Amino acid sequence: MKQYTELELVWDGRAMLGEGPVWDHRSHEVIWVDIDGMRVHRYRPAAGAVDTLQLNQKIGAVVPRASGGFVAAMEHGFHILGGASGEAAAIADPEAHLPGNRFNDGKCDTAGRFWAGTMKMNETGASGSLYCLEPDGTLRTVLNGSVKISNGIGWSPDNRTMYYIDTPTKQVVAYSYDAATGVIAEPRTVVTMAPGEGSPDGMAVDAAGNLWVALWGGWQVGCWNPTTGEKLATIPVPVERTSSCAFGGEQLDELYITTASVGMREEDWAKQPHAGGLFRIKLPVQGLRANFYGG
């Protein structure tokens, strides 16, 4: 198994719960969220600068819009974000009747649909769902009330398979996927985490179809072949709570990795001084270009 160790810390901002990085190839920046800090961060590598947008509710995921601005899956449903002051225009709140839930991870497919799921904020029980926000603003429920912690989503390079993570299952599930309709079917487990390896969190798919999965509690990002279930590589990360990853850079061969500092005790900081930071590593593989909401 390969091990990649040339990891670089590019932002040491101690996010509480860094999550959901996405590379915007138009603006040449990586965008990610601090869920508990209620912030959206944008890192511009050319300038080495980070811009931060403060919001007034927890934000699980943010994706660029094809027409400009962003769409966010937040504590209180889907919103359009625009402007430097963080104005949020509500689109839909499918779980207004579940005040203990919030949205978590999310991603767009090639048709411009925004897929995002929910979880209980106290992480007990399975009351979460997976939703799909269509480009025209209509919302449909894909998995209803059976999800514990909705997390990583990705699609195979041929666009015929969707991968999905419900973190406590410690598995990656594959669905057959119809790109024309956005319908998923035939779930099957393709990766199961080994004991002591951590819990699967956010995920990225590379151009060869392999899955790069951040392992919460595992101090690493791992790479798996979803056809064989074999673990191919690991990236050690100096933070226990490694949360998500995304390919970026001009050649899409740089993996950006988010981490969290939530739950850290004073003695933990000595071992993990860069918890909550954003990391980057150059890899001998390329990722897939991120999709934007609206097509």
C-alpha atoms as a PDB file:
ATOM      1  CA  MET A   1       0.000   0.000   0.000  1.00  0.00           C
ATOM      2  CA  LYS A   2       1.322   3.426  -0.963  1.00  0.00           C
ATOM      3  CA  GLN A   3       1.812   6.177   1.582  1.00  0.00           C
ATOM      4  CA  TYR A   4       1.937   9.850   0.621  1.00  0.00           C
ATOM      5  CA  THR A   5       3.575  12.074   3.223  1.00  0.00           C
ATOM      6  CA  GLU A   6       4.397  15.438   1.601  1.00  0.00           C
ATOM      7  CA  LEU A   7       1.496  17.207   3.306  1.00  0.00           C
ATOM      8  CA  GLU A   8       1.480  21.006   3.490  1.00  0.00           C
ATOM      9  CA  LEU A   9      -0.488  23.181   5.913  1.00  0.00           C
ATOM     10  CA  VAL A  10      -1.943  26.062   3.876  1.00  0.00           C
ATOM     11  CA  TRP A  11      -4.268  27.617   6.480  1.00  0.00           C
ATOM     12  CA  ASP A  12      -3.929  27.358  10.243  1.00  0.00           C
ATOM     13  CA  GLY A  13      -7.237  28.912  11.238  1.00  0.00           C
ATOM     14  CA  ARG A  14      -8.357  26.302  13.806  1.00  0.00           C
ATOM     15  CA  ALA A  15     -11.802  25.721  12.342  1.00  0.00           C
ATOM     16  CA  MET A  16     -14.178  24.086  14.779  1.00  0.00           C
ATOM     17  CA  LEU A  17     -15.576  21.711  12.171  1.00  0.00           C
ATOM     18  CA  GLY A  18     -13.940  22.228   8.796  1.00  0.00           C
ATOM     19  CA  GLU A  19     -15.827  20.360   6.058  1.00  0.00           C
ATOM     20  CA  GLY A  20     -16.899  20.103   2.436  1.00  0.00           C
ATOM     21  CA  PRO A  21     -14.047  21.516   0.322  1.00  0.00           C
ATOM     22  CA  VAL A  22     -14.779  22.185  -3.344  1.00  0.00           C
ATOM     23  CA  TRP A  23     -12.435  23.571  -6.012  1.00  0.00           C
ATOM     24  CA  ASP A  24     -13.877  26.328  -8.187  1.00  0.00           C
ATOM     25  CA  HIS A  25     -11.946  26.137 -11.472  1.00  0.00           C
ATOM     26  CA  ARG A  26     -13.361  29.492 -12.554  1.00  0.00           C
ATOM     27  CA  SER A  27     -11.965  31.508  -9.650  1.00  0.00           C
ATOM     28  CA  HIS A  28      -9.044  29.161  -8.915  1.00  0.00           C
ATOM     29  CA  GLU A  29      -9.891  28.821  -5.243  1.00  0.00           C
ATOM     30  CA  VAL A  30     -10.964  26.179  -2.763  1.00  0.00           C
ATOM     31  CA  ILE A  31     -14.163  26.859  -0.814  1.00  0.00           C
ATOM     32  CA  TRP A  32     -15.015  25.070   2.410  1.00  0.00           C
ATOM     33  CA  VAL A  33     -17.123  25.520   5.532  1.00  0.00           C
ATOM     34  CA  ASP A  34     -16.721  25.571   9.288  1.00  0.00           C
ATOM     35  CA  ILE A  35     -20.018  23.983  10.286  1.00  0.00           C
ATOM     36  CA  ASP A  36     -20.033  24.904  13.973  1.00  0.00           C
ATOM     37  CA  GLY A  37     -18.240  28.203  13.390  1.00  0.00           C
ATOM     38  CA  MET A  38     -20.991  29.144  10.888  1.00  0.00           C
ATOM     39  CA  ARG A  39     -18.432  30.294   8.335  1.00  0.00           C
ATOM     40  CA  VAL A  40     -17.584  29.897   4.657  1.00  0.00           C
ATOM     41  CA  HIS A  41     -13.870  30.113   3.823  1.00  0.00           C
ATOM     42  CA  ARG A  42     -12.272  30.733   0.421  1.00  0.00           C
ATOM     43  CA  TYR A  43      -8.576  30.057  -0.069  1.00  0.00           C
ATOM     44  CA  ARG A  44      -6.859  31.616  -3.077  1.00  0.00           C
ATOM     45  CA  PRO A  45      -3.545  29.773  -3.628  1.00  0.00           C
ATOM     46  CA  ALA A  46      -2.119  32.411  -5.971  1.00  0.00           C
ATOM     47  CA  ALA A  47      -2.362  35.022  -3.232  1.00  0.00           C
ATOM     48  CA  GLY A  48      -2.016  32.681  -0.268  1.00  0.00           C
ATOM     49  CA  ALA A  49      -5.046  34.448   1.183  1.00  0.00           C
ATOM     50  CA  VAL A  50      -8.240  33.301   2.889  1.00  0.00           C
ATOM     51  CA  ASP A  51     -11.510  35.243   2.799  1.00  0.00           C
ATOM     52  CA  THR A  52     -14.175  34.394   5.385  1.00  0.00           C
ATOM     53  CA  LEU A  53     -17.928  34.895   5.322  1.00  0.00           C
ATOM     54  CA  GLN A  54     -19.677  34.786   8.711  1.00  0.00           C
ATOM     55  CA  LEU A  55     -23.215  33.396   8.754  1.00  0.00           C
ATOM     56  CA  ASN A  56     -25.915  33.213  11.450  1.00  0.00           C
ATOM     57  CA  GLN A  57     -26.589  29.463  11.401  1.00  0.00           C
ATOM     58  CA  LYS A  58     -24.635  26.243  11.004  1.00  0.00           C
ATOM     59  CA  ILE A  59     -23.717  25.423   7.428  1.00  0.00           C
ATOM     60  CA  GLY A  60     -23.193  21.834   6.298  1.00  0.00           C
ATOM     61  CA  ALA A  61     -22.096  22.373   2.698  1.00  0.00           C
ATOM     62  CA  VAL A  62     -21.720  25.080   0.082  1.00  0.00           C
ATOM     63  CA  VAL A  63     -21.419  24.711  -3.699  1.00  0.00           C
ATOM     64  CA  PRO A  64     -20.815  27.295  -6.423  1.00  0.00           C
ATOM     65  CA  ARG A  65     -23.720  28.244  -8.686  1.00  0.00           C
ATOM     66  CA  ALA A  66     -23.280  28.119 -12.443  1.00  0.00           C
ATOM     67  CA  SER A  67     -24.849  31.589 -12.600  1.00  0.00           C
ATOM     68  CA  GLY A  68     -22.644  32.992  -9.810  1.00  0.00           C
ATOM     69  CA  GLY A  69     -22.714  32.985  -6.035  1.00  0.00           C
ATOM     70  CA  PHE A  70     -23.346  29.886  -3.986  1.00  0.00           C
ATOM     71  CA  VAL A  71     -26.029  27.516  -2.788  1.00  0.00           C
ATOM     72  CA  ALA A  72     -25.736  26.253   0.786  1.00  0.00           C
ATOM     73  CA  ALA A  73     -27.233  23.399   2.774  1.00  0.00           C
ATOM     74  CA  MET A  74     -27.591  24.936   6.220  1.00  0.00           C
ATOM     75  CA  GLU A  75     -29.045  24.240   9.625  1.00  0.00           C
ATOM     76  CA  HIS A  76     -32.406  25.523   8.382  1.00  0.00           C
ATOM     77  CA  GLY A  77     -32.528  24.163   4.853  1.00  0.00           C
ATOM     78  CA  PHE A  78     -31.238  25.218   1.443  1.00  0.00           C
ATOM     79  CA  HIS A  79     -30.271  28.853   0.799  1.00  0.00           C
ATOM     80  CA  ILE A  80     -28.756  30.982  -1.926  1.00  0.00           C
ATOM     81  CA  LEU A  81     -25.753  32.928  -0.630  1.00  0.00           C
ATOM     82  CA  GLY A  82     -24.711  36.192  -2.174  1.00  0.00           C
ATOM     83  CA  GLY A  83     -22.751  39.288  -1.298  1.00  0.00           C
ATOM     84  CA  ALA A  84     -19.877  39.935   1.058  1.00  0.00           C
ATOM     85  CA  SER A  85     -22.146  40.323   4.080  1.00  0.00           C
ATOM     86  CA  GLY A  86     -23.587  36.834   3.778  1.00  0.00           C
ATOM     87  CA  GLU A  87     -27.180  37.439   2.752  1.00  0.00           C
ATOM     88  CA  ALA A  88     -29.021  34.113   2.641  1.00  0.00           C
ATOM     89  CA  ALA A  89     -32.211  33.684   0.621  1.00  0.00           C
ATOM     90  CA  ALA A  90     -34.163  30.591   1.627  1.00  0.00           C
ATOM     91  CA  ILE A  91     -35.073  28.028  -1.022  1.00  0.00           C
ATOM     92  CA  ALA A  92     -36.570  25.170   0.997  1.00  0.00           C
ATOM     93  CA  ASP A  93     -36.451  23.818   4.539  1.00  0.00           C
ATOM     94  CA  PRO A  94     -37.611  20.197   4.406  1.00  0.00           C
ATOM     95  CA  GLU A  95     -36.927  19.537   8.085  1.00  0.00           C
ATOM     96  CA  ALA A  96     -38.441  22.573   9.778  1.00  0.00           C
ATOM     97  CA  HIS A  97     -40.401  20.070  11.859  1.00  0.00           C
ATOM     98  CA  LEU A  98     -37.126  18.514  13.106  1.00  0.00           C
ATOM     99  CA  PRO A  99     -35.329  21.298  15.015  1.00  0.00           C
ATOM    100  CA  GLY A 100     -32.742  18.841  16.328  1.00  0.00           C
ATOM    101  CA  ASN A 101     -31.512  18.092  12.800  1.00  0.00           C
ATOM    102  CA  ARG A 102     -29.190  19.997  10.490  1.00  0.00           C
ATOM    103  CA  PHE A 103     -27.743  19.545   7.028  1.00  0.00           C
ATOM    104  CA  ASN A 104     -24.285  18.064   6.709  1.00  0.00           C
ATOM    105  CA  ASP A 105     -22.254  17.222   3.593  1.00  0.00           C
ATOM    106  CA  GLY A 106     -23.378  17.820   0.010  1.00  0.00           C
ATOM    107  CA  LYS A 107     -22.233  17.913  -3.603  1.00  0.00           C
ATOM    108  CA  CYS A 108     -23.507  18.588  -7.134  1.00  0.00           C
ATOM    109  CA  ASP A 109     -23.856  16.062  -9.950  1.00  0.00           C
ATOM    110  CA  THR A 110     -23.137  16.690 -13.627  1.00  0.00           C
ATOM    111  CA  ALA A 111     -26.734  17.788 -14.257  1.00  0.00           C
ATOM    112  CA  GLY A 112     -26.390  20.584 -11.688  1.00  0.00           C
ATOM    113  CA  ARG A 113     -28.440  18.916  -8.956  1.00  0.00           C
ATOM    114  CA  PHE A 114     -27.353  19.595  -5.361  1.00  0.00           C
ATOM    115  CA  TRP A 115     -27.391  16.464  -3.219  1.00  0.00           C
ATOM    116  CA  ALA A 116     -27.192  16.980   0.546  1.00  0.00           C
ATOM    117  CA  GLY A 117     -28.244  15.051   3.627  1.00  0.00           C
ATOM    118  CA  THR A 118     -29.099  15.652   7.252  1.00  0.00           C
ATOM    119  CA  MET A 119     -28.261  14.318  10.692  1.00  0.00           C
ATOM    120  CA  LYS A 120     -29.227  14.749  14.326  1.00  0.00           C
ATOM    121  CA  MET A 121     -27.036  17.393  15.930  1.00  0.00           C
ATOM    122  CA  ASN A 122     -26.604  15.243  19.041  1.00  0.00           C
ATOM    123  CA  GLU A 123     -25.664  12.301  16.764  1.00  0.00           C
ATOM    124  CA  THR A 124     -28.152   9.881  18.320  1.00  0.00           C
ATOM    125  CA  GLY A 125     -30.449   7.695  16.262  1.00  0.00           C
ATOM    126  CA  ALA A 126     -31.274   7.689  12.573  1.00  0.00           C
ATOM    127  CA  SER A 127     -33.575  10.576  11.708  1.00  0.00           C
ATOM    128  CA  GLY A 128     -31.616  12.015   8.802  1.00  0.00           C
ATOM    129  CA  SER A 129     -32.526  11.989   5.125  1.00  0.00           C
ATOM    130  CA  LEU A 130     -30.837  12.532   1.784  1.00  0.00           C
ATOM    131  CA  TYR A 131     -32.277  15.213  -0.491  1.00  0.00           C
ATOM    132  CA  CYS A 132     -31.765  16.320  -4.060  1.00  0.00           C
ATOM    133  CA  LEU A 133     -32.295  19.976  -4.986  1.00  0.00           C
ATOM    134  CA  GLU A 134     -33.050  20.145  -8.705  1.00  0.00           C
ATOM    135  CA  PRO A 135     -31.697  23.009 -10.835  1.00  0.00           C
ATOM    136  CA  ASP A 136     -35.201  24.490 -11.062  1.00  0.00           C
ATOM    137  CA  GLY A 137     -35.414  24.705  -7.258  1.00  0.00           C
ATOM    138  CA  THR A 138     -37.726  21.751  -6.678  1.00  0.00           C
ATOM    139  CA  LEU A 139     -36.691  19.407  -3.897  1.00  0.00           C
ATOM    140  CA  ARG A 140     -37.130  15.665  -3.622  1.00  0.00           C
ATOM    141  CA  THR A 141     -36.381  13.231  -0.832  1.00  0.00           C
ATOM    142  CA  VAL A 142     -34.120  10.362  -1.888  1.00  0.00           C
ATOM    143  CA  LEU A 143     -33.557   8.501   1.403  1.00  0.00           C
ATOM    144  CA  ASN A 144     -36.210   9.242   3.993  1.00  0.00           C
ATOM    145  CA  GLY A 145     -35.521   9.229   7.733  1.00  0.00           C
ATOM    146  CA  SER A 146     -33.121   6.282   7.747  1.00  0.00           C
ATOM    147  CA  VAL A 147     -29.777   8.102   7.792  1.00  0.00           C
ATOM    148  CA  LYS A 148     -27.646   8.601  10.919  1.00  0.00           C
ATOM    149  CA  ILE A 149     -24.918  11.004   9.740  1.00  0.00           C
ATOM    150  CA  SER A 150     -25.223  11.857   6.036  1.00  0.00           C
ATOM    151  CA  ASN A 151     -21.750  12.428   4.657  1.00  0.00           C
ATOM    152  CA  GLY A 152     -19.558  11.934   1.592  1.00  0.00           C
ATOM    153  CA  ILE A 153     -21.079  11.808  -1.895  1.00  0.00           C
ATOM    154  CA  GLY A 154     -19.393  11.205  -5.234  1.00  0.00           C
ATOM    155  CA  TRP A 155     -19.899   9.862  -8.756  1.00  0.00           C
ATOM    156  CA  SER A 156     -17.847   7.505 -10.889  1.00  0.00           C
ATOM    157  CA  PRO A 157     -16.047   8.950 -13.926  1.00  0.00           C
ATOM    158  CA  ASP A 158     -18.520   7.231 -16.268  1.00  0.00           C
ATOM    159  CA  ASN A 159     -21.392   8.795 -14.271  1.00  0.00           C
ATOM    160  CA  ARG A 160     -23.167   5.461 -13.841  1.00  0.00           C
ATOM    161  CA  THR A 161     -22.518   5.012 -10.115  1.00  0.00           C
ATOM    162  CA  MET A 162     -23.128   7.236  -7.102  1.00  0.00           C
ATOM    163  CA  TYR A 163     -21.189   6.648  -3.885  1.00  0.00           C
ATOM    164  CA  TYR A 164     -22.595   7.593  -0.502  1.00  0.00           C
ATOM    165  CA  ILE A 165     -21.436   7.489   3.120  1.00  0.00           C
ATOM    166  CA  ASP A 166     -23.564   7.241   6.254  1.00  0.00           C
ATOM    167  CA  THR A 167     -20.676   7.612   8.705  1.00  0.00           C
ATOM    168  CA  PRO A 168     -21.646   5.268  11.579  1.00  0.00           C
ATOM    169  CA  THR A 169     -22.063   2.337   9.174  1.00  0.00           C
ATOM    170  CA  LYS A 170     -18.296   2.551   8.472  1.00  0.00           C
ATOM    171  CA  GLN A 171     -19.052   1.712   4.856  1.00  0.00           C
ATOM    172  CA  VAL A 172     -19.202   3.280   1.422  1.00  0.00           C
ATOM    173  CA  VAL A 173     -22.335   2.277  -0.481  1.00  0.00           C
ATOM    174  CA  ALA A 174     -22.623   2.391  -4.271  1.00  0.00           C
ATOM    175  CA  TYR A 175     -25.886   2.965  -6.140  1.00  0.00           C
ATOM    176  CA  SER A 176     -26.607   2.558  -9.799  1.00  0.00           C
ATOM    177  CA  TYR A 177     -27.186   6.099 -11.014  1.00  0.00           C
ATOM    178  CA  ASP A 178     -29.247   7.503 -13.888  1.00  0.00           C
ATOM    179  CA  ALA A 179     -27.734  10.861 -14.823  1.00  0.00           C
ATOM    180  CA  ALA A 180     -30.757  11.869 -16.905  1.00  0.00           C
ATOM    181  CA  THR A 181     -33.254  11.506 -14.056  1.00  0.00           C
ATOM    182  CA  GLY A 182     -31.067  11.552 -10.937  1.00  0.00           C
ATOM    183  CA  VAL A 183     -32.614   8.276  -9.776  1.00  0.00           C
ATOM    184  CA  ILE A 184     -30.489   5.911  -7.666  1.00  0.00           C
ATOM    185  CA  ALA A 185     -31.117   2.169  -7.179  1.00  0.00           C
ATOM    186  CA  GLU A 186     -29.511  -1.152  -6.283  1.00  0.00           C
ATOM    187  CA  PRO A 187     -27.448  -0.213  -3.202  1.00  0.00           C
ATOM    188  CA  ARG A 188     -24.403  -2.339  -2.491  1.00  0.00           C
ATOM    189  CA  THR A 189     -21.471  -2.006  -0.093  1.00  0.00           C
ATOM    190  CA  VAL A 190     -18.161  -1.458  -1.891  1.00  0.00           C
ATOM    191  CA  VAL A 191     -15.827  -0.431   0.964  1.00  0.00           C
ATOM    192  CA  THR A 192     -15.835  -1.402   4.631  1.00  0.00           C
ATOM    193  CA  MET A 193     -13.435   0.319   7.019  1.00  0.00           C
ATOM    194  CA  ALA A 194     -11.136  -1.919   9.063  1.00  0.00           C
ATOM    195  CA  PRO A 195     -11.406  -1.833  12.869  1.00  0.00           C
ATOM    196  CA  GLY A 196      -9.456   1.071  14.353  1.00  0.00           C
ATOM    197  CA  GLU A 197      -9.158   2.850  11.020  1.00  0.00           C
ATOM    198  CA  GLY A 198     -11.594   5.627  11.826  1.00  0.00           C
ATOM    199  CA  SER A 199     -15.042   6.449  10.454  1.00  0.00           C
ATOM    200  CA  PRO A 200     -15.611   7.491   6.828  1.00  0.00           C
ATOM    201  CA  ASP A 201     -16.476  11.166   6.442  1.00  0.00           C
ATOM    202  CA  GLY A 202     -16.097  13.304   3.307  1.00  0.00           C
ATOM    203  CA  MET A 203     -14.984  11.799   0.010  1.00  0.00           C
ATOM    204  CA  ALA A 204     -13.486  12.617  -3.402  1.00  0.00           C
ATOM    205  CA  VAL A 205     -13.376  10.477  -6.557  1.00  0.00           C
ATOM    206  CA  ASP A 206     -10.317  10.544  -8.818  1.00  0.00           C
ATOM    207  CA  ALA A 207     -10.186  10.250 -12.610  1.00  0.00           C
ATOM    208  CA  ALA A 208      -9.402   6.523 -12.348  1.00  0.00           C
ATOM    209  CA  GLY A 209     -12.539   5.973 -10.282  1.00  0.00           C
ATOM    210  CA  ASN A 210     -10.845   5.372  -6.932  1.00  0.00           C
ATOM    211  CA  LEU A 211     -12.308   6.803  -3.731  1.00  0.00           C
ATOM    212  CA  TRP A 212     -10.351   9.111  -1.416  1.00  0.00           C
ATOM    213  CA  VAL A 213     -12.069   9.068   1.969  1.00  0.00           C
ATOM    214  CA  ALA A 214     -11.307  11.246   5.002  1.00  0.00           C
ATOM    215  CA  LEU A 215     -11.303   9.131   8.162  1.00  0.00           C
ATOM    216  CA  TRP A 216     -12.739  10.877  11.212  1.00  0.00           C
ATOM    217  CA  GLY A 217     -10.811   9.631  14.232  1.00  0.00           C
ATOM    218  CA  GLY A 218      -8.319   7.928  11.945  1.00  0.00           C
ATOM    219  CA  TRP A 219      -5.594  10.570  11.429  1.00  0.00           C
ATOM    220  CA  GLN A 220      -5.637   9.964   7.663  1.00  0.00           C
ATOM    221  CA  VAL A 221      -7.199  10.042   4.235  1.00  0.00           C
ATOM    222  CA  GLY A 222      -7.396   6.602   2.627  1.00  0.00           C
ATOM    223  CA  CYS A 223      -7.786   5.591  -1.011  1.00  0.00           C
ATOM    224  CA  TRP A 224      -9.864   2.571  -2.033  1.00  0.00           C
ATOM    225  CA  ASN A 225     -10.641   0.758  -5.251  1.00  0.00           C
ATOM    226  CA  PRO A 226     -14.462   0.489  -5.170  1.00  0.00           C
ATOM    227  CA  THR A 227     -14.450  -2.497  -7.547  1.00  0.00           C
ATOM    228  CA  THR A 228     -12.290  -4.705  -5.334  1.00  0.00           C
ATOM    229  CA  GLY A 229     -12.691  -2.976  -1.964  1.00  0.00           C
ATOM    230  CA  GLU A 230      -8.885  -2.913  -1.644  1.00  0.00           C
ATOM    231  CA  LYS A 231      -7.182  -0.055   0.166  1.00  0.00           C
ATOM    232  CA  LEU A 232      -4.566   1.348  -2.209  1.00  0.00           C
ATOM    233  CA  ALA A 233      -3.001   4.266  -0.363  1.00  0.00           C
ATOM    234  CA  THR A 234      -3.008   6.398   2.744  1.00  0.00           C
ATOM    235  CA  ILE A 235      -2.176  10.016   3.533  1.00  0.00           C
ATOM    236  CA  PRO A 236      -1.256  10.447   7.212  1.00  0.00           C
ATOM    237  CA  VAL A 237      -2.754  13.679   8.582  1.00  0.00           C
ATOM    238  CA  PRO A 238      -1.514  15.250  11.844  1.00  0.00           C
ATOM    239  CA  VAL A 239      -5.095  15.757  13.036  1.00  0.00           C
ATOM    240  CA  GLU A 240      -7.269  13.013  14.498  1.00  0.00           C
ATOM    241  CA  ARG A 241     -10.524  14.416  13.158  1.00  0.00           C
ATOM    242  CA  THR A 242      -9.835  14.457   9.438  1.00  0.00           C
ATOM    243  CA  SER A 243     -13.137  15.439   7.857  1.00  0.00           C
ATOM    244  CA  SER A 244     -13.149  15.751   4.059  1.00  0.00           C
ATOM    245  CA  CYS A 245     -11.094  16.187   0.899  1.00  0.00           C
ATOM    246  CA  ALA A 246     -11.342  17.513  -2.661  1.00  0.00           C
ATOM    247  CA  PHE A 247      -9.102  17.610  -5.713  1.00  0.00           C
ATOM    248  CA  GLY A 248      -8.016  21.048  -6.847  1.00  0.00           C
ATOM    249  CA  GLY A 249      -5.230  23.024  -8.461  1.00  0.00           C
ATOM    250  CA  GLU A 250      -4.737  23.811 -12.132  1.00  0.00           C
ATOM    251  CA  GLN A 251      -4.142  20.132 -12.990  1.00  0.00           C
ATOM    252  CA  LEU A 252      -6.592  18.771 -10.378  1.00  0.00           C
ATOM    253  CA  ASP A 253      -3.701  16.816  -8.856  1.00  0.00           C
ATOM    254  CA  GLU A 254      -3.674  18.535  -5.464  1.00  0.00           C
ATOM    255  CA  LEU A 255      -5.823  17.091  -2.699  1.00  0.00           C
ATOM    256  CA  TYR A 256      -7.159  19.650  -0.220  1.00  0.00           C
ATOM    257  CA  ILE A 257      -7.976  18.152   3.189  1.00  0.00           C
ATOM    258  CA  THR A 258     -10.162  19.719   5.891  1.00  0.00           C
ATOM    259  CA  THR A 259      -9.921  18.943   9.606  1.00  0.00           C
ATOM    260  CA  ALA A 260     -11.728  19.747  12.854  1.00  0.00           C
ATOM    261  CA  SER A 261     -10.830  20.920  16.344  1.00  0.00           C
ATOM    262  CA  VAL A 262     -14.258  20.338  17.900  1.00  0.00           C
ATOM    263  CA  GLY A 263     -14.060  18.398  21.149  1.00  0.00           C
ATOM    264  CA  MET A 264     -10.351  19.100  21.616  1.00  0.00           C
ATOM    265  CA  ARG A 265      -9.097  19.210  25.194  1.00  0.00           C
ATOM    266  CA  GLU A 266      -6.217  21.392  26.324  1.00  0.00           C
ATOM    267  CA  GLU A 267      -3.808  18.460  26.330  1.00  0.00           C
ATOM    268  CA  ASP A 268      -4.844  17.513  22.772  1.00  0.00           C
ATOM    269  CA  TRP A 269      -3.467  20.737  21.313  1.00  0.00           C
ATOM    270  CA  ALA A 270       0.102  19.691  22.154  1.00  0.00           C
ATOM    271  CA  LYS A 271      -0.303  16.646  19.887  1.00  0.00           C
ATOM    272  CA  GLN A 272      -2.447  18.375  17.239  1.00  0.00           C
ATOM    273  CA  PRO A 273      -1.425  22.031  17.103  1.00  0.00           C
ATOM    274  CA  HIS A 274      -2.872  22.449  13.598  1.00  0.00           C
ATOM    275  CA  ALA A 275      -6.284  20.888  14.246  1.00  0.00           C
ATOM    276  CA  GLY A 276      -8.947  22.678  12.228  1.00  0.00           C
ATOM    277  CA  GLY A 277      -6.433  23.610   9.541  1.00  0.00           C
ATOM    278  CA  LEU A 278      -6.608  23.178   5.774  1.00  0.00           C
ATOM    279  CA  PHE A 279      -3.951  20.908   4.263  1.00  0.00           C
ATOM    280  CA  ARG A 280      -2.803  20.215   0.713  1.00  0.00           C
ATOM    281  CA  ILE A 281      -0.799  17.442  -0.925  1.00  0.00           C
ATOM    282  CA  LYS A 282       0.293  16.949  -4.537  1.00  0.00           C
ATOM    283  CA  LEU A 283      -0.523  13.465  -5.821  1.00  0.00           C
ATOM    284  CA  PRO A 284       0.393  11.401  -8.902  1.00  0.00           C
ATOM    285  CA  VAL A 285      -3.314  11.152  -9.771  1.00  0.00           C
ATOM    286  CA  GLN A 286      -5.904  13.634 -10.989  1.00  0.00           C
ATOM    287  CA  GLY A 287      -9.371  14.300  -9.690  1.00  0.00           C
ATOM    288  CA  LEU A 288     -12.582  15.178 -11.469  1.00  0.00           C
ATOM    289  CA  ARG A 289     -13.725  18.757 -12.037  1.00  0.00           C
ATOM    290  CA  ALA A 290     -16.355  19.868  -9.519  1.00  0.00           C
ATOM    291  CA  ASN A 291     -19.899  20.380 -10.736  1.00  0.00           C
ATOM    292  CA  PHE A 292     -21.826  23.565 -10.024  1.00  0.00           C
ATOM    293  CA  TYR A 293     -25.461  24.007  -9.062  1.00  0.00           C
ATOM    294  CA  GLY A 294     -27.747  24.777 -11.971  1.00  0.00           C
ATOM    295  CA  GLY A 295     -25.797  22.953 -14.665  1.00  0.00           C
END
